[in-house]
Amino acid sequence: MLPDISQKVLTQQLRELEDDGIIDRQVLGDRAPFKVVYSLTETGRSLGKILLQMSLWGEQRANELPNVEIENDHAGFNHLLETL
């Protein structure tokens, strides 16, 4: 779970991503406690290269600003791009 986000906000964001066709939601099990698994759709996977480029662009702009430090190794993006 993401520590800096409430359960309500996380659920809302996941529902919006599902409604937009970016992720699929699968409920596993026939009784509580259920396990919910999310995965990227083809549309979601197609956003990988775009999001990486946007992240790199943002880092370049941030480096032009005084007193701004960016730490990002792009590990999540790299993993996504490997699956494309």
PDB file of N, CA and C in Angstrom:
ATOM      1  N   MET A   1       0.842  -1.185   0.000  1.00  0.00           N
ATOM      2  CA  MET A   1       0.000   0.000   0.000  1.00  0.00           C
ATOM      3  C   MET A   1       0.882   1.241   0.000  1.00  0.00           C
ATOM      4  N   LEU A   2       0.420   2.266  -0.638  1.00  0.00           N
ATOM      5  CA  LEU A   2       1.153   3.525  -0.678  1.00  0.00           C
ATOM      6  C   LEU A   2       0.911   4.270   0.629  1.00  0.00           C
ATOM      7  N   PRO A   3       1.964   4.618   1.358  1.00  0.00           N
ATOM      8  CA  PRO A   3       1.786   5.207   2.685  1.00  0.00           C
ATOM      9  C   PRO A   3       1.213   6.616   2.687  1.00  0.00           C
ATOM     10  N   ASP A   4       1.378   7.376   1.613  1.00  0.00           N
ATOM     11  CA  ASP A   4       0.956   8.772   1.613  1.00  0.00           C
ATOM     12  C   ASP A   4      -0.376   9.001   0.908  1.00  0.00           C
ATOM     13  N   ILE A   5      -1.186   7.972   0.781  1.00  0.00           N
ATOM     14  CA  ILE A   5      -2.474   8.108   0.110  1.00  0.00           C
ATOM     15  C   ILE A   5      -3.523   7.360   0.931  1.00  0.00           C
ATOM     16  N   SER A   6      -4.684   7.970   1.073  1.00  0.00           N
ATOM     17  CA  SER A   6      -5.738   7.319   1.844  1.00  0.00           C
ATOM     18  C   SER A   6      -6.368   6.198   1.015  1.00  0.00           C
ATOM     19  N   GLN A   7      -6.967   5.255   1.690  1.00  0.00           N
ATOM     20  CA  GLN A   7      -7.638   4.145   1.009  1.00  0.00           C
ATOM     21  C   GLN A   7      -8.725   4.669   0.077  1.00  0.00           C
ATOM     22  N   LYS A   8      -9.437   5.701   0.518  1.00  0.00           N
ATOM     23  CA  LYS A   8     -10.512   6.279  -0.290  1.00  0.00           C
ATOM     24  C   LYS A   8      -9.977   6.861  -1.599  1.00  0.00           C
ATOM     25  N   VAL A   9      -8.889   7.615  -1.514  1.00  0.00           N
ATOM     26  CA  VAL A   9      -8.310   8.233  -2.707  1.00  0.00           C
ATOM     27  C   VAL A   9      -7.739   7.164  -3.634  1.00  0.00           C
ATOM     28  N   LEU A  10      -7.058   6.167  -3.068  1.00  0.00           N
ATOM     29  CA  LEU A  10      -6.507   5.083  -3.880  1.00  0.00           C
ATOM     30  C   LEU A  10      -7.617   4.353  -4.627  1.00  0.00           C
ATOM     31  N   THR A  11      -8.690   4.010  -3.925  1.00  0.00           N
ATOM     32  CA  THR A  11      -9.820   3.317  -4.545  1.00  0.00           C
ATOM     33  C   THR A  11     -10.433   4.159  -5.656  1.00  0.00           C
ATOM     34  N   GLN A  12     -10.597   5.447  -5.412  1.00  0.00           N
ATOM     35  CA  GLN A  12     -11.167   6.351  -6.414  1.00  0.00           C
ATOM     36  C   GLN A  12     -10.286   6.407  -7.662  1.00  0.00           C
ATOM     37  N   GLN A  13      -8.979   6.525  -7.472  1.00  0.00           N
ATOM     38  CA  GLN A  13      -8.065   6.602  -8.610  1.00  0.00           C
ATOM     39  C   GLN A  13      -8.056   5.295  -9.404  1.00  0.00           C
ATOM     40  N   LEU A  14      -8.052   4.164  -8.703  1.00  0.00           N
ATOM     41  CA  LEU A  14      -8.081   2.873  -9.394  1.00  0.00           C
ATOM     42  C   LEU A  14      -9.372   2.701 -10.186  1.00  0.00           C
ATOM     43  N   ARG A  15     -10.491   3.125  -9.626  1.00  0.00           N
ATOM     44  CA  ARG A  15     -11.770   3.037 -10.353  1.00  0.00           C
ATOM     45  C   ARG A  15     -11.756   3.899 -11.611  1.00  0.00           C
ATOM     46  N   GLU A  16     -11.187   5.095 -11.500  1.00  0.00           N
ATOM     47  CA  GLU A  16     -11.105   5.969 -12.673  1.00  0.00           C
ATOM     48  C   GLU A  16     -10.219   5.362 -13.756  1.00  0.00           C
ATOM     49  N   LEU A  17      -9.090   4.783 -13.352  1.00  0.00           N
ATOM     50  CA  LEU A  17      -8.208   4.134 -14.323  1.00  0.00           C
ATOM     51  C   LEU A  17      -8.900   2.941 -14.982  1.00  0.00           C
ATOM     52  N   GLU A  18      -9.677   2.216 -14.202  1.00  0.00           N
ATOM     53  CA  GLU A  18     -10.435   1.089 -14.754  1.00  0.00           C
ATOM     54  C   GLU A  18     -11.512   1.591 -15.721  1.00  0.00           C
ATOM     55  N   ASP A  19     -12.243   2.620 -15.327  1.00  0.00           N
ATOM     56  CA  ASP A  19     -13.287   3.190 -16.190  1.00  0.00           C
ATOM     57  C   ASP A  19     -12.708   3.719 -17.498  1.00  0.00           C
ATOM     58  N   ASP A  20     -11.474   4.216 -17.444  1.00  0.00           N
ATOM     59  CA  ASP A  20     -10.822   4.764 -18.633  1.00  0.00           C
ATOM     60  C   ASP A  20     -10.140   3.694 -19.484  1.00  0.00           C
ATOM     61  N   GLY A  21     -10.199   2.445 -19.039  1.00  0.00           N
ATOM     62  CA  GLY A  21      -9.620   1.360 -19.816  1.00  0.00           C
ATOM     63  C   GLY A  21      -8.110   1.252 -19.703  1.00  0.00           C
ATOM     64  N   ILE A  22      -7.529   1.835 -18.657  1.00  0.00           N
ATOM     65  CA  ILE A  22      -6.079   1.802 -18.467  1.00  0.00           C
ATOM     66  C   ILE A  22      -5.661   0.545 -17.703  1.00  0.00           C
ATOM     67  N   ILE A  23      -6.497   0.120 -16.755  1.00  0.00           N
ATOM     68  CA  ILE A  23      -6.207  -1.082 -15.969  1.00  0.00           C
ATOM     69  C   ILE A  23      -7.417  -2.011 -15.965  1.00  0.00           C
ATOM     70  N   ASP A  24      -7.142  -3.285 -15.707  1.00  0.00           N
ATOM     71  CA  ASP A  24      -8.183  -4.287 -15.479  1.00  0.00           C
ATOM     72  C   ASP A  24      -8.180  -4.643 -14.005  1.00  0.00           C
ATOM     73  N   ARG A  25      -9.347  -4.936 -13.472  1.00  0.00           N
ATOM     74  CA  ARG A  25      -9.492  -5.338 -12.071  1.00  0.00           C
ATOM     75  C   ARG A  25     -10.054  -6.747 -12.049  1.00  0.00           C
ATOM     76  N   GLN A  26      -9.389  -7.630 -11.315  1.00  0.00           N
ATOM     77  CA  GLN A  26      -9.844  -9.011 -11.208  1.00  0.00           C
ATOM     78  C   GLN A  26      -9.961  -9.365  -9.731  1.00  0.00           C
ATOM     79  N   VAL A  27     -11.132  -9.859  -9.329  1.00  0.00           N
ATOM     80  CA  VAL A  27     -11.364 -10.281  -7.950  1.00  0.00           C
ATOM     81  C   VAL A  27     -11.190 -11.790  -7.890  1.00  0.00           C
ATOM     82  N   LEU A  28     -10.310 -12.242  -6.997  1.00  0.00           N
ATOM     83  CA  LEU A  28     -10.022 -13.664  -6.853  1.00  0.00           C
ATOM     84  C   LEU A  28     -10.626 -14.185  -5.560  1.00  0.00           C
ATOM     85  N   GLY A  29     -11.137 -15.388  -5.604  1.00  0.00           N
ATOM     86  CA  GLY A  29     -11.736 -16.009  -4.428  1.00  0.00           C
ATOM     87  C   GLY A  29     -13.247 -15.962  -4.494  1.00  0.00           C
ATOM     88  N   ASP A  30     -13.868 -16.899  -3.796  1.00  0.00           N
ATOM     89  CA  ASP A  30     -15.328 -16.949  -3.811  1.00  0.00           C
ATOM     90  C   ASP A  30     -15.946 -16.506  -2.494  1.00  0.00           C
ATOM     91  N   ARG A  31     -15.090 -16.169  -1.520  1.00  0.00           N
ATOM     92  CA  ARG A  31     -15.586 -15.617  -0.254  1.00  0.00           C
ATOM     93  C   ARG A  31     -14.502 -14.769   0.393  1.00  0.00           C
ATOM     94  N   ALA A  32     -14.925 -13.932   1.310  1.00  0.00           N
ATOM     95  CA  ALA A  32     -13.995 -13.013   1.975  1.00  0.00           C
ATOM     96  C   ALA A  32     -12.963 -13.790   2.778  1.00  0.00           C
ATOM     97  N   PRO A  33     -11.753 -13.297   2.872  1.00  0.00           N
ATOM     98  CA  PRO A  33     -11.271 -12.065   2.240  1.00  0.00           C
ATOM     99  C   PRO A  33     -10.910 -12.305   0.774  1.00  0.00           C
ATOM    100  N   PHE A  34     -11.396 -11.429  -0.068  1.00  0.00           N
ATOM    101  CA  PHE A  34     -11.113 -11.517  -1.492  1.00  0.00           C
ATOM    102  C   PHE A  34      -9.750 -10.902  -1.781  1.00  0.00           C
ATOM    103  N   LYS A  35      -9.157 -11.335  -2.855  1.00  0.00           N
ATOM    104  CA  LYS A  35      -7.909 -10.732  -3.319  1.00  0.00           C
ATOM    105  C   LYS A  35      -8.220 -10.020  -4.627  1.00  0.00           C
ATOM    106  N   VAL A  36      -7.790  -8.776  -4.731  1.00  0.00           N
ATOM    107  CA  VAL A  36      -8.015  -7.996  -5.943  1.00  0.00           C
ATOM    108  C   VAL A  36      -6.673  -7.782  -6.626  1.00  0.00           C
ATOM    109  N   VAL A  37      -6.634  -8.089  -7.914  1.00  0.00           N
ATOM    110  CA  VAL A  37      -5.414  -7.951  -8.706  1.00  0.00           C
ATOM    111  C   VAL A  37      -5.687  -6.962  -9.832  1.00  0.00           C
ATOM    112  N   TYR A  38      -4.782  -6.009  -9.990  1.00  0.00           N
ATOM    113  CA  TYR A  38      -4.886  -5.026 -11.067  1.00  0.00           C
ATOM    114  C   TYR A  38      -3.776  -5.286 -12.076  1.00  0.00           C
ATOM    115  N   SER A  39      -4.093  -5.093 -13.339  1.00  0.00           N
ATOM    116  CA  SER A  39      -3.085  -5.228 -14.388  1.00  0.00           C
ATOM    117  C   SER A  39      -3.352  -4.181 -15.461  1.00  0.00           C
ATOM    118  N   LEU A  40      -2.294  -3.838 -16.182  1.00  0.00           N
ATOM    119  CA  LEU A  40      -2.438  -2.873 -17.261  1.00  0.00           C
ATOM    120  C   LEU A  40      -3.132  -3.512 -18.454  1.00  0.00           C
ATOM    121  N   THR A  41      -3.990  -2.759 -19.081  1.00  0.00           N
ATOM    122  CA  THR A  41      -4.584  -3.185 -20.342  1.00  0.00           C
ATOM    123  C   THR A  41      -3.600  -2.857 -21.461  1.00  0.00           C
ATOM    124  N   GLU A  42      -3.936  -3.239 -22.667  1.00  0.00           N
ATOM    125  CA  GLU A  42      -3.104  -2.875 -23.816  1.00  0.00           C
ATOM    126  C   GLU A  42      -2.996  -1.354 -23.916  1.00  0.00           C
ATOM    127  N   THR A  43      -4.099  -0.672 -23.670  1.00  0.00           N
ATOM    128  CA  THR A  43      -4.086   0.796 -23.685  1.00  0.00           C
ATOM    129  C   THR A  43      -3.156   1.331 -22.606  1.00  0.00           C
ATOM    130  N   GLY A  44      -3.214   0.751 -21.415  1.00  0.00           N
ATOM    131  CA  GLY A  44      -2.335   1.170 -20.328  1.00  0.00           C
ATOM    132  C   GLY A  44      -0.873   0.961 -20.666  1.00  0.00           C
ATOM    133  N   ARG A  45      -0.564  -0.188 -21.251  1.00  0.00           N
ATOM    134  CA  ARG A  45       0.823  -0.461 -21.640  1.00  0.00           C
ATOM    135  C   ARG A  45       1.300   0.510 -22.713  1.00  0.00           C
ATOM    136  N   SER A  46       0.383   0.935 -23.572  1.00  0.00           N
ATOM    137  CA  SER A  46       0.782   1.846 -24.649  1.00  0.00           C
ATOM    138  C   SER A  46       1.186   3.222 -24.117  1.00  0.00           C
ATOM    139  N   LEU A  47       0.831   3.533 -22.887  1.00  0.00           N
ATOM    140  CA  LEU A  47       1.199   4.820 -22.286  1.00  0.00           C
ATOM    141  C   LEU A  47       2.616   4.835 -21.724  1.00  0.00           C
ATOM    142  N   GLY A  48       3.257   3.679 -21.616  1.00  0.00           N
ATOM    143  CA  GLY A  48       4.562   3.582 -20.968  1.00  0.00           C
ATOM    144  C   GLY A  48       5.607   4.516 -21.534  1.00  0.00           C
ATOM    145  N   LYS A  49       5.806   4.497 -22.838  1.00  0.00           N
ATOM    146  CA  LYS A  49       6.839   5.333 -23.451  1.00  0.00           C
ATOM    147  C   LYS A  49       6.500   6.817 -23.321  1.00  0.00           C
ATOM    148  N   ILE A  50       5.229   7.136 -23.422  1.00  0.00           N
ATOM    149  CA  ILE A  50       4.800   8.533 -23.282  1.00  0.00           C
ATOM    150  C   ILE A  50       5.077   9.030 -21.865  1.00  0.00           C
ATOM    151  N   LEU A  51       4.725   8.226 -20.866  1.00  0.00           N
ATOM    152  CA  LEU A  51       4.936   8.635 -19.476  1.00  0.00           C
ATOM    153  C   LEU A  51       6.418   8.772 -19.148  1.00  0.00           C
ATOM    154  N   LEU A  52       7.241   7.888 -19.694  1.00  0.00           N
ATOM    155  CA  LEU A  52       8.681   7.996 -19.473  1.00  0.00           C
ATOM    156  C   LEU A  52       9.205   9.302 -20.054  1.00  0.00           C
ATOM    157  N   GLN A  53       8.798   9.631 -21.260  1.00  0.00           N
ATOM    158  CA  GLN A  53       9.251  10.875 -21.883  1.00  0.00           C
ATOM    159  C   GLN A  53       8.774  12.095 -21.097  1.00  0.00           C
ATOM    160  N   MET A  54       7.552  12.044 -20.583  1.00  0.00           N
ATOM    161  CA  MET A  54       7.049  13.157 -19.769  1.00  0.00           C
ATOM    162  C   MET A  54       7.855  13.295 -18.484  1.00  0.00           C
ATOM    163  N   SER A  55       8.211  12.173 -17.879  1.00  0.00           N
ATOM    164  CA  SER A  55       9.012  12.198 -16.661  1.00  0.00           C
ATOM    165  C   SER A  55      10.391  12.798 -16.926  1.00  0.00           C
ATOM    166  N   LEU A  56      11.015  12.371 -18.013  1.00  0.00           N
ATOM    167  CA  LEU A  56      12.332  12.913 -18.369  1.00  0.00           C
ATOM    168  C   LEU A  56      12.249  14.411 -18.658  1.00  0.00           C
ATOM    169  N   TRP A  57      11.202  14.822 -19.352  1.00  0.00           N
ATOM    170  CA  TRP A  57      11.003  16.242 -19.644  1.00  0.00           C
ATOM    171  C   TRP A  57      10.867  17.034 -18.341  1.00  0.00           C
ATOM    172  N   GLY A  58      10.084  16.505 -17.407  1.00  0.00           N
ATOM    173  CA  GLY A  58       9.900  17.174 -16.124  1.00  0.00           C
ATOM    174  C   GLY A  58      11.200  17.294 -15.347  1.00  0.00           C
ATOM    175  N   GLU A  59      12.017  16.254 -15.384  1.00  0.00           N
ATOM    176  CA  GLU A  59      13.310  16.305 -14.710  1.00  0.00           C
ATOM    177  C   GLU A  59      14.209  17.373 -15.331  1.00  0.00           C
ATOM    178  N   GLN A  60      14.207  17.458 -16.644  1.00  0.00           N
ATOM    179  CA  GLN A  60      15.035  18.469 -17.309  1.00  0.00           C
ATOM    180  C   GLN A  60      14.585  19.871 -16.921  1.00  0.00           C
ATOM    181  N   ARG A  61      13.289  20.106 -16.878  1.00  0.00           N
ATOM    182  CA  ARG A  61      12.780  21.427 -16.501  1.00  0.00           C
ATOM    183  C   ARG A  61      13.095  21.708 -15.038  1.00  0.00           C
ATOM    184  N   ALA A  62      12.960  20.702 -14.174  1.00  0.00           N
ATOM    185  CA  ALA A  62      13.233  20.902 -12.752  1.00  0.00           C
ATOM    186  C   ALA A  62      14.696  21.232 -12.521  1.00  0.00           C
ATOM    187  N   ASN A  63      15.581  20.636 -13.315  1.00  0.00           N
ATOM    188  CA  ASN A  63      17.013  20.916 -13.171  1.00  0.00           C
ATOM    189  C   ASN A  63      17.359  22.351 -13.536  1.00  0.00           C
ATOM    190  N   GLU A  64      16.480  23.009 -14.251  1.00  0.00           N
ATOM    191  CA  GLU A  64      16.693  24.409 -14.615  1.00  0.00           C
ATOM    192  C   GLU A  64      16.270  25.360 -13.496  1.00  0.00           C
ATOM    193  N   LEU A  65      15.573  24.839 -12.499  1.00  0.00           N
ATOM    194  CA  LEU A  65      15.088  25.662 -11.393  1.00  0.00           C
ATOM    195  C   LEU A  65      16.051  25.580 -10.215  1.00  0.00           C
ATOM    196  N   PRO A  66      16.253  26.688  -9.525  1.00  0.00           N
ATOM    197  CA  PRO A  66      17.135  26.642  -8.356  1.00  0.00           C
ATOM    198  C   PRO A  66      16.471  25.884  -7.204  1.00  0.00           C
ATOM    199  N   ASN A  67      17.285  25.222  -6.414  1.00  0.00           N
ATOM    200  CA  ASN A  67      16.841  24.535  -5.196  1.00  0.00           C
ATOM    201  C   ASN A  67      15.858  23.400  -5.446  1.00  0.00           C
ATOM    202  N   VAL A  68      15.912  22.766  -6.604  1.00  0.00           N
ATOM    203  CA  VAL A  68      15.043  21.630  -6.894  1.00  0.00           C
ATOM    204  C   VAL A  68      15.920  20.418  -7.158  1.00  0.00           C
ATOM    205  N   GLU A  69      15.675  19.354  -6.408  1.00  0.00           N
ATOM    206  CA  GLU A  69      16.413  18.114  -6.614  1.00  0.00           C
ATOM    207  C   GLU A  69      15.429  17.018  -6.985  1.00  0.00           C
ATOM    208  N   ILE A  70      15.769  16.249  -7.992  1.00  0.00           N
ATOM    209  CA  ILE A  70      14.930  15.154  -8.456  1.00  0.00           C
ATOM    210  C   ILE A  70      15.710  13.857  -8.284  1.00  0.00           C
ATOM    211  N   GLU A  71      15.093  12.888  -7.630  1.00  0.00           N
ATOM    212  CA  GLU A  71      15.694  11.565  -7.507  1.00  0.00           C
ATOM    213  C   GLU A  71      14.724  10.560  -8.104  1.00  0.00           C
ATOM    214  N   ASN A  72      15.107   9.984  -9.234  1.00  0.00           N
ATOM    215  CA  ASN A  72      14.247   9.013  -9.890  1.00  0.00           C
ATOM    216  C   ASN A  72      15.117   8.135 -10.768  1.00  0.00           C
ATOM    217  N   ASP A  73      15.078   6.829 -10.532  1.00  0.00           N
ATOM    218  CA  ASP A  73      15.877   5.925 -11.348  1.00  0.00           C
ATOM    219  C   ASP A  73      15.058   5.287 -12.469  1.00  0.00           C
ATOM    220  N   HIS A  74      13.798   5.623 -12.562  1.00  0.00           N
ATOM    221  CA  HIS A  74      12.910   5.138 -13.619  1.00  0.00           C
ATOM    222  C   HIS A  74      12.751   3.619 -13.621  1.00  0.00           C
ATOM    223  N   ALA A  75      12.982   2.975 -12.492  1.00  0.00           N
ATOM    224  CA  ALA A  75      12.897   1.516 -12.436  1.00  0.00           C
ATOM    225  C   ALA A  75      11.509   1.025 -12.844  1.00  0.00           C
ATOM    226  N   GLY A  76      10.472   1.702 -12.393  1.00  0.00           N
ATOM    227  CA  GLY A  76       9.115   1.298 -12.761  1.00  0.00           C
ATOM    228  C   GLY A  76       8.865   1.429 -14.249  1.00  0.00           C
ATOM    229  N   PHE A  77       9.335   2.521 -14.831  1.00  0.00           N
ATOM    230  CA  PHE A  77       9.172   2.712 -16.269  1.00  0.00           C
ATOM    231  C   PHE A  77       9.978   1.675 -17.042  1.00  0.00           C
ATOM    232  N   ASN A  78      11.198   1.419 -16.594  1.00  0.00           N
ATOM    233  CA  ASN A  78      12.034   0.443 -17.289  1.00  0.00           C
ATOM    234  C   ASN A  78      11.386  -0.930 -17.277  1.00  0.00           C
ATOM    235  N   HIS A  79      10.806  -1.313 -16.147  1.00  0.00           N
ATOM    236  CA  HIS A  79      10.115  -2.600 -16.067  1.00  0.00           C
ATOM    237  C   HIS A  79       8.935  -2.631 -17.038  1.00  0.00           C
ATOM    238  N   LEU A  80       8.182  -1.550 -17.092  1.00  0.00           N
ATOM    239  CA  LEU A  80       7.045  -1.469 -18.003  1.00  0.00           C
ATOM    240  C   LEU A  80       7.502  -1.579 -19.451  1.00  0.00           C
ATOM    241  N   LEU A  81       8.554  -0.859 -19.799  1.00  0.00           N
ATOM    242  CA  LEU A  81       9.034  -0.874 -21.177  1.00  0.00           C
ATOM    243  C   LEU A  81       9.545  -2.247 -21.585  1.00  0.00           C
ATOM    244  N   GLU A  82      10.069  -3.018 -20.636  1.00  0.00           N
ATOM    245  CA  GLU A  82      10.536  -4.370 -20.942  1.00  0.00           C
ATOM    246  C   GLU A  82       9.386  -5.286 -21.335  1.00  0.00           C
ATOM    247  N   THR A  83       8.176  -4.968 -20.881  1.00  0.00           N
ATOM    248  CA  THR A  83       7.028  -5.821 -21.178  1.00  0.00           C
ATOM    249  C   THR A  83       6.338  -5.437 -22.477  1.00  0.00           C
ATOM    250  N   LEU A  84       6.739  -4.334 -23.090  1.00  0.00           N
ATOM    251  CA  LEU A  84       6.079  -3.876 -24.320  1.00  0.00           C
ATOM    252  C   LEU A  84       6.558  -4.643 -25.529  1.00  0.00           C
TER     253      LEU A  84
END
